[in-house]
Amino acid sequence: MRVLIADDNQDCLETLAILLTAAGHAISKARDGEEAVEQARRMRPDAGILVIGMPSIDGVEAARRIRRADPGI
């Protein structure tokens, strides 16, 4: 699966990316909600893990924008 991970905590972001990569998934990482929206437009993920409390826009708003931009995601 193509998985988008968005977290402003660098340690959590990297740890989760390592675990999911080891499980065979293609990973895209974002450090905030705006970057997550941009990454989603580029990679069209099968799944996303978005932290709720991020700077700029939170994970909930990022998910709304991703769905609005591409309802198929």
N, C-alpha and C. Protein backbone atom coordinates (compact mmCIF):
# COMPACT_ATOMS: atom_id res chain seq x y z
N MET A 1 0.83 -1.18 0.00
CA MET A 1 0.00 0.00 0.00
C MET A 1 0.87 1.25 0.00
N ARG A 2 0.34 2.32 -0.56
CA ARG A 2 0.96 3.65 -0.46
C ARG A 2 0.35 4.34 0.76
N VAL A 3 1.21 4.67 1.73
CA VAL A 3 0.74 5.24 2.99
C VAL A 3 1.36 6.62 3.20
N LEU A 4 0.51 7.58 3.49
CA LEU A 4 0.94 8.93 3.84
C LEU A 4 0.95 9.06 5.35
N ILE A 5 2.08 9.49 5.90
CA ILE A 5 2.20 9.71 7.35
C ILE A 5 2.46 11.19 7.56
N ALA A 6 1.67 11.82 8.42
CA ALA A 6 1.86 13.23 8.75
C ALA A 6 1.93 13.39 10.26
N ASP A 7 3.08 13.89 10.72
CA ASP A 7 3.28 14.09 12.16
C ASP A 7 4.35 15.15 12.34
N ASP A 8 4.13 16.09 13.24
CA ASP A 8 5.12 17.13 13.49
C ASP A 8 6.19 16.66 14.48
N ASN A 9 6.01 15.51 15.07
CA ASN A 9 7.02 14.91 15.95
C ASN A 9 7.93 14.04 15.08
N GLN A 10 9.15 14.51 14.83
CA GLN A 10 10.07 13.85 13.91
C GLN A 10 10.37 12.41 14.31
N ASP A 11 10.55 12.13 15.61
CA ASP A 11 10.84 10.77 16.07
C ASP A 11 9.70 9.82 15.77
N CYS A 12 8.48 10.24 16.04
CA CYS A 12 7.32 9.40 15.75
C CYS A 12 7.17 9.18 14.25
N LEU A 13 7.36 10.22 13.48
CA LEU A 13 7.25 10.14 12.02
C LEU A 13 8.24 9.12 11.47
N GLU A 14 9.49 9.22 11.89
CA GLU A 14 10.53 8.31 11.38
C GLU A 14 10.31 6.88 11.85
N THR A 15 9.93 6.69 13.11
CA THR A 15 9.69 5.35 13.64
C THR A 15 8.56 4.65 12.89
N LEU A 16 7.47 5.34 12.71
CA LEU A 16 6.34 4.76 11.99
C LEU A 16 6.71 4.46 10.54
N ALA A 17 7.46 5.36 9.92
CA ALA A 17 7.90 5.14 8.53
C ALA A 17 8.77 3.90 8.43
N ILE A 18 9.68 3.71 9.37
CA ILE A 18 10.54 2.53 9.37
C ILE A 18 9.71 1.26 9.50
N LEU A 19 8.78 1.26 10.44
CA LEU A 19 7.94 0.07 10.66
C LEU A 19 7.10 -0.26 9.42
N LEU A 20 6.48 0.74 8.83
CA LEU A 20 5.63 0.49 7.67
C LEU A 20 6.44 0.11 6.43
N THR A 21 7.63 0.68 6.29
CA THR A 21 8.51 0.31 5.18
C THR A 21 8.94 -1.14 5.33
N ALA A 22 9.28 -1.55 6.55
CA ALA A 22 9.68 -2.93 6.82
C ALA A 22 8.56 -3.91 6.51
N ALA A 23 7.32 -3.44 6.64
CA ALA A 23 6.16 -4.28 6.33
C ALA A 23 5.85 -4.29 4.84
N GLY A 24 6.64 -3.55 4.05
CA GLY A 24 6.48 -3.59 2.60
C GLY A 24 5.67 -2.47 1.98
N HIS A 25 5.36 -1.45 2.75
CA HIS A 25 4.55 -0.34 2.23
C HIS A 25 5.42 0.78 1.66
N ALA A 26 4.90 1.48 0.68
CA ALA A 26 5.56 2.67 0.13
C ALA A 26 5.10 3.85 0.98
N ILE A 27 6.05 4.61 1.50
CA ILE A 27 5.75 5.65 2.47
C ILE A 27 6.03 7.04 1.91
N SER A 28 5.16 7.98 2.26
CA SER A 28 5.40 9.39 2.02
C SER A 28 5.24 10.08 3.37
N LYS A 29 6.16 10.98 3.70
CA LYS A 29 6.14 11.63 5.01
C LYS A 29 5.88 13.13 4.87
N ALA A 30 5.14 13.67 5.84
CA ALA A 30 4.87 15.11 5.89
C ALA A 30 5.02 15.57 7.34
N ARG A 31 5.54 16.79 7.52
CA ARG A 31 5.75 17.32 8.87
C ARG A 31 4.65 18.24 9.36
N ASP A 32 3.69 18.55 8.49
CA ASP A 32 2.53 19.35 8.91
C ASP A 32 1.37 19.08 7.96
N GLY A 33 0.23 19.65 8.28
CA GLY A 33 -0.97 19.39 7.49
C GLY A 33 -0.90 19.88 6.06
N GLU A 34 -0.31 21.04 5.86
CA GLU A 34 -0.21 21.57 4.50
C GLU A 34 0.67 20.69 3.63
N GLU A 35 1.78 20.23 4.19
CA GLU A 35 2.67 19.33 3.45
C GLU A 35 1.95 18.00 3.16
N ALA A 36 1.12 17.55 4.09
CA ALA A 36 0.36 16.31 3.89
C ALA A 36 -0.58 16.43 2.69
N VAL A 37 -1.24 17.57 2.58
CA VAL A 37 -2.16 17.79 1.45
C VAL A 37 -1.38 17.74 0.13
N GLU A 38 -0.22 18.39 0.10
CA GLU A 38 0.61 18.38 -1.11
C GLU A 38 1.11 16.98 -1.44
N GLN A 39 1.56 16.26 -0.43
CA GLN A 39 2.04 14.88 -0.65
C GLN A 39 0.91 14.00 -1.17
N ALA A 40 -0.29 14.16 -0.64
CA ALA A 40 -1.43 13.36 -1.08
C ALA A 40 -1.76 13.62 -2.54
N ARG A 41 -1.65 14.86 -2.97
CA ARG A 41 -1.91 15.17 -4.38
C ARG A 41 -0.91 14.48 -5.29
N ARG A 42 0.34 14.39 -4.82
CA ARG A 42 1.38 13.77 -5.64
C ARG A 42 1.30 12.25 -5.64
N MET A 43 1.12 11.66 -4.46
CA MET A 43 1.24 10.20 -4.36
C MET A 43 -0.09 9.44 -4.42
N ARG A 44 -1.20 10.13 -4.19
CA ARG A 44 -2.51 9.45 -4.15
C ARG A 44 -2.45 8.21 -3.26
N PRO A 45 -2.34 8.41 -1.94
CA PRO A 45 -2.15 7.29 -1.01
C PRO A 45 -3.37 6.38 -0.92
N ASP A 46 -3.10 5.14 -0.56
CA ASP A 46 -4.17 4.19 -0.27
C ASP A 46 -4.69 4.40 1.16
N ALA A 47 -3.79 4.88 2.02
CA ALA A 47 -4.15 5.11 3.43
C ALA A 47 -3.34 6.29 3.95
N GLY A 48 -3.83 6.90 5.00
CA GLY A 48 -3.12 8.00 5.62
C GLY A 48 -3.19 7.92 7.13
N ILE A 49 -2.09 8.30 7.77
CA ILE A 49 -2.03 8.42 9.22
C ILE A 49 -1.68 9.87 9.49
N LEU A 50 -2.68 10.63 9.94
CA LEU A 50 -2.52 12.07 10.13
C LEU A 50 -2.73 12.41 11.60
N VAL A 51 -1.72 12.99 12.22
CA VAL A 51 -1.83 13.40 13.62
C VAL A 51 -2.79 14.57 13.71
N ILE A 52 -3.65 14.56 14.71
CA ILE A 52 -4.65 15.61 14.84
C ILE A 52 -4.03 16.95 15.18
N GLY A 53 -3.11 17.02 16.13
CA GLY A 53 -2.56 18.29 16.59
C GLY A 53 -1.26 18.67 15.91
N MET A 54 -1.33 19.23 14.72
CA MET A 54 -0.14 19.68 14.00
C MET A 54 -0.22 21.18 13.77
N PRO A 55 0.94 21.81 13.54
CA PRO A 55 0.92 23.25 13.25
C PRO A 55 0.29 23.53 11.88
N SER A 56 0.00 24.74 11.62
CA SER A 56 -0.66 25.25 10.41
C SER A 56 -2.07 24.69 10.33
N ILE A 57 -2.27 23.56 9.72
CA ILE A 57 -3.60 22.93 9.72
C ILE A 57 -3.47 21.56 10.37
N ASP A 58 -4.47 21.18 11.15
CA ASP A 58 -4.39 19.90 11.86
C ASP A 58 -4.75 18.73 10.95
N GLY A 59 -4.61 17.52 11.47
CA GLY A 59 -4.87 16.32 10.68
C GLY A 59 -6.30 16.20 10.17
N VAL A 60 -7.25 16.67 10.96
CA VAL A 60 -8.65 16.60 10.53
C VAL A 60 -8.89 17.51 9.32
N GLU A 61 -8.39 18.74 9.40
CA GLU A 61 -8.56 19.67 8.28
C GLU A 61 -7.77 19.19 7.06
N ALA A 62 -6.59 18.62 7.29
CA ALA A 62 -5.81 18.09 6.17
C ALA A 62 -6.58 16.97 5.47
N ALA A 63 -7.20 16.09 6.25
CA ALA A 63 -8.00 15.01 5.66
C ALA A 63 -9.18 15.59 4.85
N ARG A 64 -9.83 16.62 5.38
CA ARG A 64 -10.93 17.25 4.64
C ARG A 64 -10.45 17.80 3.30
N ARG A 65 -9.31 18.49 3.33
CA ARG A 65 -8.78 19.08 2.09
C ARG A 65 -8.36 18.00 1.09
N ILE A 66 -7.79 16.93 1.60
CA ILE A 66 -7.38 15.83 0.72
C ILE A 66 -8.61 15.22 0.05
N ARG A 67 -9.65 14.96 0.81
CA ARG A 67 -10.88 14.37 0.27
C ARG A 67 -11.56 15.33 -0.72
N ARG A 68 -11.56 16.62 -0.39
CA ARG A 68 -12.19 17.62 -1.25
C ARG A 68 -11.45 17.69 -2.59
N ALA A 69 -10.13 17.62 -2.56
CA ALA A 69 -9.33 17.73 -3.77
C ALA A 69 -9.48 16.47 -4.65
N ASP A 70 -9.64 15.32 -4.00
CA ASP A 70 -9.76 14.06 -4.73
C ASP A 70 -10.71 13.14 -3.95
N PRO A 71 -12.00 13.18 -4.24
CA PRO A 71 -12.96 12.37 -3.48
C PRO A 71 -12.70 10.87 -3.53
N GLY A 72 -11.89 10.41 -4.49
CA GLY A 72 -11.59 8.99 -4.59
C GLY A 72 -10.60 8.50 -3.54
N ILE A 73 -9.98 9.43 -2.81
CA ILE A 73 -9.01 9.03 -1.79
C ILE A 73 -9.72 8.75 -0.50
